[in-house]
Protein backbone atom coordinates (compact mmCIF):
# COMPACT_ATOMS: atom_id res chain seq x y z
CA UNK A 1 3.56 7.10 -13.51
CA UNK A 2 1.00 9.39 -11.93
CA UNK A 3 -0.87 8.87 -8.71
CA UNK A 4 -4.11 8.67 -10.73
CA UNK A 5 -2.64 5.92 -12.94
CA UNK A 6 -1.69 3.84 -9.92
CA UNK A 7 -5.14 4.30 -8.37
CA UNK A 8 -6.80 3.30 -11.67
CA UNK A 9 -4.54 0.24 -11.95
CA UNK A 10 -5.40 -0.95 -8.44
CA UNK A 11 -9.12 -0.30 -9.03
CA UNK A 12 -8.80 -2.78 -11.90
CA UNK A 13 -7.69 -5.62 -9.60
CA UNK A 14 -10.49 -8.11 -8.93
CA UNK A 15 -12.04 -7.40 -5.53
CA UNK A 16 -10.04 -4.21 -4.92
CA UNK A 17 -11.44 -1.35 -2.91
CA UNK A 18 -9.65 1.99 -3.23
CA UNK A 19 -10.63 4.56 -0.60
CA UNK A 20 -9.66 8.18 -1.35
CA UNK A 21 -10.81 10.37 1.55
CA UNK A 22 -12.04 13.86 0.68
CA UNK A 23 -13.44 16.85 2.57
CA UNK A 24 -16.93 16.28 3.93
CA UNK A 25 -16.49 12.57 4.58
CA UNK A 26 -15.89 10.53 7.72
CA UNK A 27 -12.09 10.67 7.49
CA UNK A 28 -9.81 13.14 9.30
CA UNK A 29 -8.35 16.01 7.31
CA UNK A 30 -4.89 14.42 7.56
CA UNK A 31 -6.09 11.64 5.22
CA UNK A 32 -7.72 13.85 2.57
CA UNK A 33 -6.18 13.27 -0.84
CA UNK A 34 -4.44 10.05 0.19
CA UNK A 35 -5.46 6.59 -1.07
CA UNK A 36 -5.88 3.28 0.77
CA UNK A 37 -5.93 -0.10 -1.00
CA UNK A 38 -7.88 -3.08 0.35
CA UNK A 39 -9.08 -6.44 -0.84
CA UNK A 40 -12.83 -6.11 -0.25
CA UNK A 41 -14.92 -8.05 -2.78
CA UNK A 42 -18.15 -6.77 -1.19
CA UNK A 43 -17.04 -3.17 -1.79
CA UNK A 44 -17.23 -2.26 1.91
CA UNK A 45 -14.21 -0.99 3.80
CA UNK A 46 -12.91 -3.75 6.10
CA UNK A 47 -13.13 -2.91 9.80
CA UNK A 48 -10.25 -4.89 11.29
CA UNK A 49 -7.84 -5.05 8.36
CA UNK A 50 -5.01 -2.70 7.46
CA UNK A 51 -4.66 -1.64 3.82
CA UNK A 52 -2.04 -3.54 1.84
CA UNK A 53 -0.94 -0.36 0.13
CA UNK A 54 -1.37 3.39 0.41
CA UNK A 55 -0.52 6.61 -1.33
CA UNK A 56 0.26 9.57 0.88
CA UNK A 57 0.42 13.15 -0.31
CA UNK A 58 1.80 15.06 2.64
CA UNK A 59 4.12 14.75 5.60
CA UNK A 60 2.62 13.51 8.85
CA UNK A 61 3.87 14.00 12.41
CA UNK A 62 6.73 11.51 12.85
CA UNK A 63 6.74 10.69 9.13
CA UNK A 64 8.39 13.57 7.30
CA UNK A 65 11.63 12.02 5.99
CA UNK A 66 10.19 11.75 2.46
CA UNK A 67 9.59 15.51 2.23
CA UNK A 68 6.08 15.19 0.79
CA UNK A 69 4.81 18.70 1.53
CA UNK A 70 6.20 20.43 -1.60
CA UNK A 71 3.69 20.43 -4.51
CA UNK A 72 3.76 17.37 -6.75
CA UNK A 73 5.41 15.04 -4.23
CA UNK A 74 3.69 11.86 -3.04
CA UNK A 75 4.68 8.37 -1.92
CA UNK A 76 3.39 4.87 -2.61
CA UNK A 77 3.68 2.45 0.33
CA UNK A 78 3.27 -1.32 -0.08
CA UNK A 79 3.43 -4.17 2.42
CA UNK A 80 5.63 -6.97 1.05
CA UNK A 81 6.72 -10.37 2.30
CA UNK A 82 10.12 -10.81 3.92
CA UNK A 83 11.82 -12.40 0.90
CA UNK A 84 10.65 -9.61 -1.40
CA UNK A 85 11.77 -6.97 1.11
CA UNK A 86 15.21 -8.60 1.33
CA UNK A 87 15.49 -8.81 -2.49
CA UNK A 88 14.51 -5.14 -2.96
CA UNK A 89 16.28 -3.54 0.00
CA UNK A 90 19.23 -5.86 0.64
CA UNK A 91 18.54 -6.03 4.37
CA UNK A 92 16.14 -7.81 6.69
CA UNK A 93 13.13 -5.67 7.66
CA UNK A 94 13.92 -5.79 11.36
CA UNK A 95 17.67 -5.23 10.88
CA UNK A 96 17.77 -2.03 8.82
CA UNK A 97 21.04 -0.26 9.42
CA UNK A 98 22.06 1.66 6.29
CA UNK A 99 21.51 5.39 6.02
CA UNK A 100 19.14 6.33 3.20
CA UNK A 101 17.82 9.44 1.52
CA UNK A 102 14.10 8.83 2.05
CA UNK A 103 13.27 11.93 -0.01
CA UNK A 104 14.88 10.48 -3.17
CA UNK A 105 12.35 10.07 -5.97
CA UNK A 106 11.86 6.98 -8.15
CA UNK A 107 13.76 4.67 -5.79
CA UNK A 108 12.51 1.62 -3.90
CA UNK A 109 13.26 2.18 -0.21
CA UNK A 110 12.17 0.75 3.11
CA UNK A 111 9.33 2.84 4.53
CA UNK A 112 10.93 5.48 6.80
CA UNK A 113 8.64 4.56 9.72
CA UNK A 114 7.24 1.08 8.96
CA UNK A 115 10.16 -0.53 7.13
CA UNK A 116 10.82 -2.87 10.06
CA UNK A 117 7.26 -4.17 9.59
CA UNK A 118 7.86 -5.08 5.94
CA UNK A 119 6.69 -1.91 4.21
CA UNK A 120 8.54 -0.45 1.22
CA UNK A 121 7.94 2.90 -0.42
CA UNK A 122 8.63 4.90 -3.55
CA UNK A 123 8.42 8.68 -3.76
CA UNK A 124 7.07 9.77 -7.16
CA UNK A 125 7.47 6.47 -9.06
CA UNK A 126 8.97 7.06 -12.50
CA UNK A 127 10.55 5.07 -15.31
CA UNK A 128 12.88 3.19 -12.97
CA UNK A 129 10.27 1.97 -10.45
CA UNK A 130 6.74 2.16 -11.95
CA UNK A 131 6.71 -1.46 -13.13
CA UNK A 132 8.02 -2.66 -9.77
CA UNK A 133 5.39 -0.64 -7.90
CA UNK A 134 2.55 -2.13 -9.96
CA UNK A 135 3.95 -5.66 -9.51
CA UNK A 136 4.30 -5.18 -5.75
CA UNK A 137 0.76 -3.80 -5.47
CA UNK A 138 -0.59 -6.78 -7.45
CA UNK A 139 1.34 -9.22 -5.22
CA UNK A 140 0.13 -7.42 -2.06
CA UNK A 141 -3.44 -7.53 -3.38
CA UNK A 142 -3.14 -11.28 -4.04
CA UNK A 143 -1.73 -11.82 -0.52
CA UNK A 144 -4.63 -9.80 0.96
CA UNK A 145 -7.09 -11.95 -1.00
CA UNK A 146 -5.44 -15.13 0.35
CA UNK A 147 -5.68 -13.79 3.95
CA UNK A 148 -9.34 -12.89 3.36
CA UNK A 149 -10.11 -16.39 2.08
CA UNK A 150 -8.28 -18.03 5.02
CA UNK A 151 -10.27 -15.91 7.50
CA UNK A 152 -13.52 -16.85 5.80
CA UNK A 153 -12.65 -20.53 6.09
CA UNK A 154 -13.54 -23.40 3.77
CA UNK A 155 -17.05 -23.30 2.38
CA UNK A 156 -17.84 -19.86 3.77
CA UNK A 157 -20.33 -18.06 1.63
CA UNK A 158 -21.60 -21.24 -0.01
CA UNK A 159 -25.29 -22.06 0.31
CA UNK A 160 -26.12 -24.75 2.87
CA UNK A 161 -26.48 -28.22 1.48
CA UNK A 162 -29.83 -29.89 1.74
CA UNK A 163 -29.72 -33.46 2.69
């Protein structure tokens, strides 16, 4: 599955906002070419909310275990709930102890930096992991929508009642 296919899939989720920074915008050069996935039904980037998923296209300082700098390498990152993390990884997020090859492609792994916070990743999703990646992104999108609705509170956005 290509990066463009994943971005197109997420753009199809109701209320999704996909931000892909490019040269000339307000984002730092380090983010150019990456993608950030939010639940934002108004189409505006949320100010105090982290994305529920990302695609990164290059190594960053302190995050180079996936070896993303060679051409054609990229990584999908998705925040998942604890039970899903445990099912996929076989360990608790905050108790990761096994050694892993974070550069391995088409494998579901804990994020090399944010795994303890419930993030998983896949370098270059392929036949083995593409369906899982899409399912996890859909679930993360639905969880972000639920958080958004809880923050808004009951009745938010409804017209006032006349009485």
